[in-house]
Amino acid sequence: RIADALAQVPDAYRATFVLRVYGDLSYADIAEVQG
C-alpha cells in the first residue's frame, strides 16, 4: 500500500519526500542535493 501510494506521488515530490524521510536529510541538504 505504501509503495503503491508513493508510486502515485509525482516524481519530484516523491524524490524530495524520500530524501527527507528515508534519507534523513535536512531541508537544506535536500535543497542542495536537488538544486
Full PDB file with SEQRES, HELIX, SHEET, SSBOND, CRYST1, ORIGX, SCALE, CONECT and MASTER records, all heavy atoms in Angstrom:
SEQRES   1 A   35  ARG ILE ALA ASP ALA LEU ALA GLN VAL PRO ASP ALA TYR          
SEQRES   2 A   35  ARG ALA THR PHE VAL LEU ARG VAL TYR GLY ASP LEU SER          
SEQRES   3 A   35  TYR ALA ASP ILE ALA GLU VAL GLN GLY                          
HELIX    1 AA1 ILE A    2  GLN A    8  1                                   7    
HELIX    2 AA2 ASP A   11  VAL A   21  1                                  11    
HELIX    3 AA3 TYR A   27  GLN A   34  1                                   8    
CRYST1    1.000    1.000    1.000  90.00  90.00  90.00 P 1           1          
ORIGX1      1.000000  0.000000  0.000000        0.00000                         
ORIGX2      0.000000  1.000000  0.000000        0.00000                         
ORIGX3      0.000000  0.000000  1.000000        0.00000                         
SCALE1      1.000000  0.000000  0.000000        0.00000                         
SCALE2      0.000000  1.000000  0.000000        0.00000                         
SCALE3      0.000000  0.000000  1.000000        0.00000                         
ATOM      1  N   ARG A   1       0.836  -1.212   0.000  1.00  0.00           N  
ATOM      2  CA  ARG A   1       0.000   0.000   0.000  1.00  0.00           C  
ATOM      3  C   ARG A   1       0.864   1.252   0.000  1.00  0.00           C  
ATOM      4  O   ARG A   1       0.590   2.202  -0.716  1.00  0.00           O  
ATOM      5  CB  ARG A   1      -0.933   0.008   1.210  1.00  0.00           C  
ATOM      6  CG  ARG A   1      -2.055  -1.013   1.179  1.00  0.00           C  
ATOM      7  CD  ARG A   1      -3.116  -0.696   0.116  1.00  0.00           C  
ATOM      8  NE  ARG A   1      -3.562   0.678   0.137  1.00  0.00           N  
ATOM      9  CZ  ARG A   1      -4.405   1.211   1.021  1.00  0.00           C  
ATOM     10  NH1 ARG A   1      -4.934   0.473   1.953  1.00  0.00           N  
ATOM     11  NH2 ARG A   1      -4.738   2.490   0.943  1.00  0.00           N  
ATOM     12  N   ILE A   2       1.920   1.251   0.813  1.00  0.00           N  
ATOM     13  CA  ILE A   2       2.809   2.410   0.872  1.00  0.00           C  
ATOM     14  C   ILE A   2       3.535   2.580  -0.461  1.00  0.00           C  
ATOM     15  O   ILE A   2       3.627   3.688  -0.999  1.00  0.00           O  
ATOM     16  CB  ILE A   2       3.795   2.293   2.044  1.00  0.00           C  
ATOM     17  CG1 ILE A   2       3.031   2.415   3.365  1.00  0.00           C  
ATOM     18  CG2 ILE A   2       4.893   3.352   1.954  1.00  0.00           C  
ATOM     19  CD1 ILE A   2       3.850   2.080   4.597  1.00  0.00           C  
ATOM     20  N   ALA A   3       4.041   1.483  -1.012  1.00  0.00           N  
ATOM     21  CA  ALA A   3       4.731   1.550  -2.301  1.00  0.00           C  
ATOM     22  C   ALA A   3       3.789   2.032  -3.401  1.00  0.00           C  
ATOM     23  O   ALA A   3       4.167   2.871  -4.230  1.00  0.00           O  
ATOM     24  CB  ALA A   3       5.314   0.186  -2.662  1.00  0.00           C  
ATOM     25  N   ASP A   4       2.556   1.527  -3.407  1.00  0.00           N  
ATOM     26  CA  ASP A   4       1.564   1.965  -4.398  1.00  0.00           C  
ATOM     27  C   ASP A   4       1.254   3.449  -4.240  1.00  0.00           C  
ATOM     28  O   ASP A   4       1.153   4.177  -5.222  1.00  0.00           O  
ATOM     29  CB  ASP A   4       0.275   1.150  -4.290  1.00  0.00           C  
ATOM     30  CG  ASP A   4       0.417  -0.278  -4.793  1.00  0.00           C  
ATOM     31  OD1 ASP A   4       1.419  -0.572  -5.488  1.00  0.00           O  
ATOM     32  OD2 ASP A   4      -0.466  -1.105  -4.482  1.00  0.00           O  
ATOM     33  N   ALA A   5       1.092   3.870  -2.989  1.00  0.00           N  
ATOM     34  CA  ALA A   5       0.804   5.287  -2.737  1.00  0.00           C  
ATOM     35  C   ALA A   5       1.985   6.158  -3.172  1.00  0.00           C  
ATOM     36  O   ALA A   5       1.790   7.185  -3.830  1.00  0.00           O  
ATOM     37  CB  ALA A   5       0.483   5.505  -1.266  1.00  0.00           C  
ATOM     38  N   LEU A   6       3.196   5.756  -2.816  1.00  0.00           N  
ATOM     39  CA  LEU A   6       4.385   6.520  -3.227  1.00  0.00           C  
ATOM     40  C   LEU A   6       4.492   6.599  -4.744  1.00  0.00           C  
ATOM     41  O   LEU A   6       4.882   7.629  -5.289  1.00  0.00           O  
ATOM     42  CB  LEU A   6       5.655   5.894  -2.659  1.00  0.00           C  
ATOM     43  CG  LEU A   6       6.123   6.389  -1.302  1.00  0.00           C  
ATOM     44  CD1 LEU A   6       7.274   5.550  -0.778  1.00  0.00           C  
ATOM     45  CD2 LEU A   6       6.507   7.849  -1.328  1.00  0.00           C  
ATOM     46  N   ALA A   7       4.126   5.511  -5.423  1.00  0.00           N  
ATOM     47  CA  ALA A   7       4.203   5.488  -6.885  1.00  0.00           C  
ATOM     48  C   ALA A   7       3.224   6.474  -7.522  1.00  0.00           C  
ATOM     49  O   ALA A   7       3.442   6.933  -8.642  1.00  0.00           O  
ATOM     50  CB  ALA A   7       3.933   4.083  -7.404  1.00  0.00           C  
ATOM     51  N   GLN A   8       2.155   6.831  -6.795  1.00  0.00           N  
ATOM     52  CA  GLN A   8       1.157   7.758  -7.322  1.00  0.00           C  
ATOM     53  C   GLN A   8       1.536   9.222  -7.085  1.00  0.00           C  
ATOM     54  O   GLN A   8       0.925  10.117  -7.657  1.00  0.00           O  
ATOM     55  CB  GLN A   8      -0.205   7.474  -6.691  1.00  0.00           C  
ATOM     56  CG  GLN A   8      -0.762   6.122  -7.112  1.00  0.00           C  
ATOM     57  CD  GLN A   8      -2.088   5.831  -6.430  1.00  0.00           C  
ATOM     58  OE1 GLN A   8      -2.998   6.638  -6.499  1.00  0.00           O  
ATOM     59  NE2 GLN A   8      -2.170   4.691  -5.777  1.00  0.00           N  
ATOM     60  N   VAL A   9       2.537   9.431  -6.253  1.00  0.00           N  
ATOM     61  CA  VAL A   9       3.003  10.789  -5.979  1.00  0.00           C  
ATOM     62  C   VAL A   9       3.914  11.209  -7.132  1.00  0.00           C  
ATOM     63  O   VAL A   9       4.768  10.429  -7.556  1.00  0.00           O  
ATOM     64  CB  VAL A   9       3.761  10.823  -4.621  1.00  0.00           C  
ATOM     65  CG1 VAL A   9       4.384  12.177  -4.376  1.00  0.00           C  
ATOM     66  CG2 VAL A   9       2.819  10.432  -3.482  1.00  0.00           C  
ATOM     67  N   PRO A  10       3.737  12.415  -7.662  1.00  0.00           N  
ATOM     68  CA  PRO A  10       4.608  12.858  -8.771  1.00  0.00           C  
ATOM     69  C   PRO A  10       6.091  12.708  -8.418  1.00  0.00           C  
ATOM     70  O   PRO A  10       6.487  12.898  -7.262  1.00  0.00           O  
ATOM     71  CB  PRO A  10       4.220  14.337  -8.947  1.00  0.00           C  
ATOM     72  CG  PRO A  10       2.801  14.411  -8.441  1.00  0.00           C  
ATOM     73  CD  PRO A  10       2.737  13.426  -7.309  1.00  0.00           C  
ATOM     74  N   ASP A  11       6.898  12.391  -9.425  1.00  0.00           N  
ATOM     75  CA  ASP A  11       8.320  12.098  -9.226  1.00  0.00           C  
ATOM     76  C   ASP A  11       9.047  13.151  -8.397  1.00  0.00           C  
ATOM     77  O   ASP A  11       9.804  12.817  -7.492  1.00  0.00           O  
ATOM     78  CB  ASP A  11       9.042  11.949 -10.571  1.00  0.00           C  
ATOM     79  CG  ASP A  11       8.663  10.678 -11.310  1.00  0.00           C  
ATOM     80  OD1 ASP A  11       8.002   9.809 -10.716  1.00  0.00           O  
ATOM     81  OD2 ASP A  11       9.047  10.562 -12.489  1.00  0.00           O  
ATOM     82  N   ALA A  12       8.850  14.407  -8.701  1.00  0.00           N  
ATOM     83  CA  ALA A  12       9.571  15.478  -7.991  1.00  0.00           C  
ATOM     84  C   ALA A  12       9.220  15.478  -6.513  1.00  0.00           C  
ATOM     85  O   ALA A  12      10.101  15.613  -5.654  1.00  0.00           O  
ATOM     86  CB  ALA A  12       9.259  16.836  -8.611  1.00  0.00           C  
ATOM     87  N   TYR A  13       7.933  15.323  -6.185  1.00  0.00           N  
ATOM     88  CA  TYR A  13       7.505  15.302  -4.781  1.00  0.00           C  
ATOM     89  C   TYR A  13       8.028  14.042  -4.091  1.00  0.00           C  
ATOM     90  O   TYR A  13       8.474  14.083  -2.954  1.00  0.00           O  
ATOM     91  CB  TYR A  13       5.983  15.321  -4.654  1.00  0.00           C  
ATOM     92  CG  TYR A  13       5.303  16.544  -5.224  1.00  0.00           C  
ATOM     93  CD1 TYR A  13       3.930  16.547  -5.416  1.00  0.00           C  
ATOM     94  CD2 TYR A  13       5.994  17.694  -5.589  1.00  0.00           C  
ATOM     95  CE1 TYR A  13       3.267  17.650  -5.928  1.00  0.00           C  
ATOM     96  CE2 TYR A  13       5.347  18.804  -6.114  1.00  0.00           C  
ATOM     97  CZ  TYR A  13       3.980  18.771  -6.267  1.00  0.00           C  
ATOM     98  OH  TYR A  13       3.331  19.863  -6.780  1.00  0.00           O  
ATOM     99  N   ARG A  14       7.936  12.903  -4.806  1.00  0.00           N  
ATOM    100  CA  ARG A  14       8.378  11.639  -4.231  1.00  0.00           C  
ATOM    101  C   ARG A  14       9.863  11.675  -3.911  1.00  0.00           C  
ATOM    102  O   ARG A  14      10.290  11.283  -2.825  1.00  0.00           O  
ATOM    103  CB  ARG A  14       8.062  10.468  -5.165  1.00  0.00           C  
ATOM    104  CG  ARG A  14       8.508   9.120  -4.592  1.00  0.00           C  
ATOM    105  CD  ARG A  14       8.109   7.919  -5.427  1.00  0.00           C  
ATOM    106  NE  ARG A  14       8.557   7.998  -6.791  1.00  0.00           N  
ATOM    107  CZ  ARG A  14       7.747   8.040  -7.848  1.00  0.00           C  
ATOM    108  NH1 ARG A  14       6.448   8.009  -7.708  1.00  0.00           N  
ATOM    109  NH2 ARG A  14       8.249   8.105  -9.065  1.00  0.00           N  
ATOM    110  N   ALA A  15      10.676  12.153  -4.839  1.00  0.00           N  
ATOM    111  CA  ALA A  15      12.123  12.194  -4.617  1.00  0.00           C  
ATOM    112  C   ALA A  15      12.464  13.072  -3.420  1.00  0.00           C  
ATOM    113  O   ALA A  15      13.294  12.698  -2.586  1.00  0.00           O  
ATOM    114  CB  ALA A  15      12.832  12.704  -5.866  1.00  0.00           C  
ATOM    115  N   THR A  16      11.821  14.208  -3.302  1.00  0.00           N  
ATOM    116  CA  THR A  16      12.068  15.108  -2.178  1.00  0.00           C  
ATOM    117  C   THR A  16      11.632  14.464  -0.873  1.00  0.00           C  
ATOM    118  O   THR A  16      12.356  14.490   0.130  1.00  0.00           O  
ATOM    119  CB  THR A  16      11.327  16.446  -2.402  1.00  0.00           C  
ATOM    120  OG1 THR A  16      11.729  16.988  -3.664  1.00  0.00           O  
ATOM    121  CG2 THR A  16      11.646  17.441  -1.300  1.00  0.00           C  
ATOM    122  N   PHE A  17      10.450  13.855  -0.867  1.00  0.00           N  
ATOM    123  CA  PHE A  17       9.918  13.188   0.318  1.00  0.00           C  
ATOM    124  C   PHE A  17      10.829  12.035   0.751  1.00  0.00           C  
ATOM    125  O   PHE A  17      11.136  11.880   1.937  1.00  0.00           O  
ATOM    126  CB  PHE A  17       8.504  12.670   0.014  1.00  0.00           C  
ATOM    127  CG  PHE A  17       7.858  11.943   1.153  1.00  0.00           C  
ATOM    128  CD1 PHE A  17       7.247  12.647   2.176  1.00  0.00           C  
ATOM    129  CD2 PHE A  17       7.853  10.560   1.207  1.00  0.00           C  
ATOM    130  CE1 PHE A  17       6.640  11.974   3.241  1.00  0.00           C  
ATOM    131  CE2 PHE A  17       7.261   9.883   2.255  1.00  0.00           C  
ATOM    132  CZ  PHE A  17       6.643  10.594   3.277  1.00  0.00           C  
ATOM    133  N   VAL A  18      11.283  11.246  -0.201  1.00  0.00           N  
ATOM    134  CA  VAL A  18      12.145  10.102   0.099  1.00  0.00           C  
ATOM    135  C   VAL A  18      13.471  10.563   0.696  1.00  0.00           C  
ATOM    136  O   VAL A  18      13.971   9.969   1.660  1.00  0.00           O  
ATOM    137  CB  VAL A  18      12.363   9.230  -1.163  1.00  0.00           C  
ATOM    138  CG1 VAL A  18      13.513   8.262  -0.989  1.00  0.00           C  
ATOM    139  CG2 VAL A  18      11.080   8.471  -1.500  1.00  0.00           C  
ATOM    140  N   LEU A  19      14.043  11.618   0.153  1.00  0.00           N  
ATOM    141  CA  LEU A  19      15.294  12.134   0.710  1.00  0.00           C  
ATOM    142  C   LEU A  19      15.108  12.572   2.161  1.00  0.00           C  
ATOM    143  O   LEU A  19      15.996  12.378   2.993  1.00  0.00           O  
ATOM    144  CB  LEU A  19      15.822  13.299  -0.130  1.00  0.00           C  
ATOM    145  CG  LEU A  19      16.408  12.928  -1.485  1.00  0.00           C  
ATOM    146  CD1 LEU A  19      16.665  14.180  -2.323  1.00  0.00           C  
ATOM    147  CD2 LEU A  19      17.680  12.121  -1.325  1.00  0.00           C  
ATOM    148  N   ARG A  20      13.950  13.131   2.485  1.00  0.00           N  
ATOM    149  CA  ARG A  20      13.694  13.589   3.854  1.00  0.00           C  
ATOM    150  C   ARG A  20      13.409  12.417   4.780  1.00  0.00           C  
ATOM    151  O   ARG A  20      14.021  12.279   5.836  1.00  0.00           O  
ATOM    152  CB  ARG A  20      12.513  14.567   3.869  1.00  0.00           C  
ATOM    153  CG  ARG A  20      12.118  15.021   5.245  1.00  0.00           C  
ATOM    154  CD  ARG A  20      13.187  15.897   5.853  1.00  0.00           C  
ATOM    155  NE  ARG A  20      12.812  16.254   7.207  1.00  0.00           N  
ATOM    156  CZ  ARG A  20      13.656  16.330   8.204  1.00  0.00           C  
ATOM    157  NH1 ARG A  20      14.934  16.125   8.002  1.00  0.00           N  
ATOM    158  NH2 ARG A  20      13.244  16.641   9.393  1.00  0.00           N  
ATOM    159  N   VAL A  21      12.481  11.564   4.399  1.00  0.00           N  
ATOM    160  CA  VAL A  21      12.010  10.505   5.299  1.00  0.00           C  
ATOM    161  C   VAL A  21      12.960   9.314   5.350  1.00  0.00           C  
ATOM    162  O   VAL A  21      13.292   8.831   6.419  1.00  0.00           O  
ATOM    163  CB  VAL A  21      10.586  10.055   4.899  1.00  0.00           C  
ATOM    164  CG1 VAL A  21      10.137   8.862   5.717  1.00  0.00           C  
ATOM    165  CG2 VAL A  21       9.612  11.213   5.067  1.00  0.00           C  
ATOM    166  N   TYR A  22      13.402   8.847   4.205  1.00  0.00           N  
ATOM    167  CA  TYR A  22      14.233   7.649   4.175  1.00  0.00           C  
ATOM    168  C   TYR A  22      15.728   7.961   4.110  1.00  0.00           C  
ATOM    169  O   TYR A  22      16.539   7.161   4.549  1.00  0.00           O  
ATOM    170  CB  TYR A  22      13.824   6.744   3.004  1.00  0.00           C  
ATOM    171  CG  TYR A  22      12.400   6.278   3.148  1.00  0.00           C  
ATOM    172  CD1 TYR A  22      11.385   6.863   2.417  1.00  0.00           C  
ATOM    173  CD2 TYR A  22      12.064   5.277   4.048  1.00  0.00           C  
ATOM    174  CE1 TYR A  22      10.072   6.461   2.566  1.00  0.00           C  
ATOM    175  CE2 TYR A  22      10.758   4.866   4.203  1.00  0.00           C  
ATOM    176  CZ  TYR A  22       9.760   5.455   3.462  1.00  0.00           C  
ATOM    177  OH  TYR A  22       8.460   5.057   3.613  1.00  0.00           O  
ATOM    178  N   GLY A  23      16.076   9.111   3.550  1.00  0.00           N  
ATOM    179  CA  GLY A  23      17.476   9.526   3.502  1.00  0.00           C  
ATOM    180  C   GLY A  23      17.881  10.320   4.722  1.00  0.00           C  
ATOM    181  O   GLY A  23      19.053  10.550   4.965  1.00  0.00           O  
ATOM    182  N   ASP A  24      16.883  10.782   5.498  1.00  0.00           N  
ATOM    183  CA  ASP A  24      17.107  11.535   6.735  1.00  0.00           C  
ATOM    184  C   ASP A  24      17.934  12.790   6.485  1.00  0.00           C  
ATOM    185  O   ASP A  24      18.753  13.183   7.313  1.00  0.00           O  
ATOM    186  CB  ASP A  24      17.755  10.640   7.790  1.00  0.00           C  
ATOM    187  CG  ASP A  24      17.612  11.209   9.192  1.00  0.00           C  
ATOM    188  OD1 ASP A  24      16.605  11.897   9.451  1.00  0.00           O  
ATOM    189  OD2 ASP A  24      18.516  10.981  10.016  1.00  0.00           O  
ATOM    190  N   LEU A  25      17.730  13.434   5.348  1.00  0.00           N  
ATOM    191  CA  LEU A  25      18.437  14.664   5.029  1.00  0.00           C  
ATOM    192  C   LEU A  25      17.661  15.861   5.562  1.00  0.00           C  
ATOM    193  O   LEU A  25      16.419  15.822   5.631  1.00  0.00           O  
ATOM    194  CB  LEU A  25      18.601  14.829   3.518  1.00  0.00           C  
ATOM    195  CG  LEU A  25      19.866  14.250   2.895  1.00  0.00           C  
ATOM    196  CD1 LEU A  25      19.899  12.751   2.988  1.00  0.00           C  
ATOM    197  CD2 LEU A  25      19.985  14.696   1.465  1.00  0.00           C  
ATOM    198  N   SER A  26      18.362  16.901   5.910  1.00  0.00           N  
ATOM    199  CA  SER A  26      17.712  18.145   6.334  1.00  0.00           C  
ATOM    200  C   SER A  26      17.127  18.821   5.099  1.00  0.00           C  
ATOM    201  O   SER A  26      17.491  18.516   3.964  1.00  0.00           O  
ATOM    202  CB  SER A  26      18.727  19.067   7.002  1.00  0.00           C  
ATOM    203  OG  SER A  26      19.635  19.568   6.030  1.00  0.00           O  
ATOM    204  N   TYR A  27      16.231  19.781   5.327  1.00  0.00           N  
ATOM    205  CA  TYR A  27      15.646  20.513   4.211  1.00  0.00           C  
ATOM    206  C   TYR A  27      16.745  21.218   3.414  1.00  0.00           C  
ATOM    207  O   TYR A  27      16.702  21.255   2.185  1.00  0.00           O  
ATOM    208  CB  TYR A  27      14.631  21.531   4.718  1.00  0.00           C  
ATOM    209  CG  TYR A  27      13.290  20.928   5.120  1.00  0.00           C  
ATOM    210  CD1 TYR A  27      13.198  19.664   5.690  1.00  0.00           C  
ATOM    211  CD2 TYR A  27      12.122  21.625   4.931  1.00  0.00           C  
ATOM    212  CE1 TYR A  27      11.985  19.120   6.057  1.00  0.00           C  
ATOM    213  CE2 TYR A  27      10.887  21.093   5.295  1.00  0.00           C  
ATOM    214  CZ  TYR A  27      10.828  19.840   5.852  1.00  0.00           C  
ATOM    215  OH  TYR A  27       9.623  19.305   6.196  1.00  0.00           O  
ATOM    216  N   ALA A  28      17.725  21.787   4.114  1.00  0.00           N  
ATOM    217  CA  ALA A  28      18.822  22.483   3.437  1.00  0.00           C  
ATOM    218  C   ALA A  28      19.633  21.514   2.575  1.00  0.00           C  
ATOM    219  O   ALA A  28      20.013  21.840   1.443  1.00  0.00           O  
ATOM    220  CB  ALA A  28      19.727  23.172   4.456  1.00  0.00           C  
ATOM    221  N   ASP A  29      19.889  20.321   3.091  1.00  0.00           N  
ATOM    222  CA  ASP A  29      20.631  19.323   2.316  1.00  0.00           C  
ATOM    223  C   ASP A  29      19.846  18.881   1.084  1.00  0.00           C  
ATOM    224  O   ASP A  29      20.408  18.684   0.012  1.00  0.00           O  
ATOM    225  CB  ASP A  29      20.977  18.108   3.179  1.00  0.00           C  
ATOM    226  CG  ASP A  29      22.080  18.390   4.185  1.00  0.00           C  
ATOM    227  OD1 ASP A  29      22.784  19.400   4.035  1.00  0.00           O  
ATOM    228  OD2 ASP A  29      22.215  17.588   5.136  1.00  0.00           O  
ATOM    229  N   ILE A  30      18.533  18.725   1.254  1.00  0.00           N  
ATOM    230  CA  ILE A  30      17.695  18.331   0.115  1.00  0.00           C  
ATOM    231  C   ILE A  30      17.729  19.414  -0.956  1.00  0.00           C  
ATOM    232  O   ILE A  30      17.853  19.117  -2.149  1.00  0.00           O  
ATOM    233  CB  ILE A  30      16.247  18.041   0.561  1.00  0.00           C  
ATOM    234  CG1 ILE A  30      16.211  16.819   1.491  1.00  0.00           C  
ATOM    235  CG2 ILE A  30      15.337  17.834  -0.649  1.00  0.00           C  
ATOM    236  CD1 ILE A  30      14.891  16.622   2.208  1.00  0.00           C  
ATOM    237  N   ALA A  31      17.640  20.669  -0.527  1.00  0.00           N  
ATOM    238  CA  ALA A  31      17.702  21.778  -1.486  1.00  0.00           C  
ATOM    239  C   ALA A  31      19.011  21.723  -2.267  1.00  0.00           C  
ATOM    240  O   ALA A  31      19.031  21.907  -3.489  1.00  0.00           O  
ATOM    241  CB  ALA A  31      17.568  23.107  -0.748  1.00  0.00           C  
ATOM    242  N   GLU A  32      20.094  21.427  -1.560  1.00  0.00           N  
ATOM    243  CA  GLU A  32      21.399  21.333  -2.215  1.00  0.00           C  
ATOM    244  C   GLU A  32      21.474  20.135  -3.152  1.00  0.00           C  
ATOM    245  O   GLU A  32      21.940  20.241  -4.286  1.00  0.00           O  
ATOM    246  CB  GLU A  32      22.489  21.236  -1.139  1.00  0.00           C  
ATOM    247  CG  GLU A  32      23.881  21.318  -1.682  1.00  0.00           C  
ATOM    248  CD  GLU A  32      24.927  21.326  -0.582  1.00  0.00           C  
ATOM    249  OE1 GLU A  32      24.629  21.745   0.547  1.00  0.00           O  
ATOM    250  OE2 GLU A  32      26.051  20.878  -0.867  1.00  0.00           O  
ATOM    251  N   VAL A  33      20.982  18.987  -2.686  1.00  0.00           N  
ATOM    252  CA  VAL A  33      21.012  17.763  -3.492  1.00  0.00           C  
ATOM    253  C   VAL A  33      20.224  17.940  -4.779  1.00  0.00           C  
ATOM    254  O   VAL A  33      20.662  17.536  -5.854  1.00  0.00           O  
ATOM    255  CB  VAL A  33      20.453  16.568  -2.684  1.00  0.00           C  
ATOM    256  CG1 VAL A  33      20.094  15.409  -3.588  1.00  0.00           C  
ATOM    257  CG2 VAL A  33      21.438  16.114  -1.635  1.00  0.00           C  
ATOM    258  N   GLN A  34      19.047  18.546  -4.666  1.00  0.00           N  
ATOM    259  CA  GLN A  34      18.179  18.653  -5.832  1.00  0.00           C  
ATOM    260  C   GLN A  34      18.375  19.945  -6.620  1.00  0.00           C  
ATOM    261  O   GLN A  34      17.787  20.111  -7.687  1.00  0.00           O  
ATOM    262  CB  GLN A  34      16.715  18.514  -5.407  1.00  0.00           C  
ATOM    263  CG  GLN A  34      16.406  17.121  -4.902  1.00  0.00           C  
ATOM    264  CD  GLN A  34      14.926  16.906  -4.697  1.00  0.00           C  
ATOM    265  OE1 GLN A  34      14.209  17.789  -4.250  1.00  0.00           O  
ATOM    266  NE2 GLN A  34      14.469  15.716  -5.044  1.00  0.00           N  
ATOM    267  N   GLY A  35      19.161  20.851  -6.094  1.00  0.00           N  
ATOM    268  CA  GLY A  35      19.399  22.106  -6.787  1.00  0.00           C  
ATOM    269  C   GLY A  35      18.157  22.985  -6.851  1.00  0.00           C  
ATOM    270  O   GLY A  35      17.899  23.636  -7.867  1.00  0.00           O  
TER     271      GLY A  35                                                      
MASTER        0    0    0    3    0    0    0    6  270    1    0    3          
END                                                                             
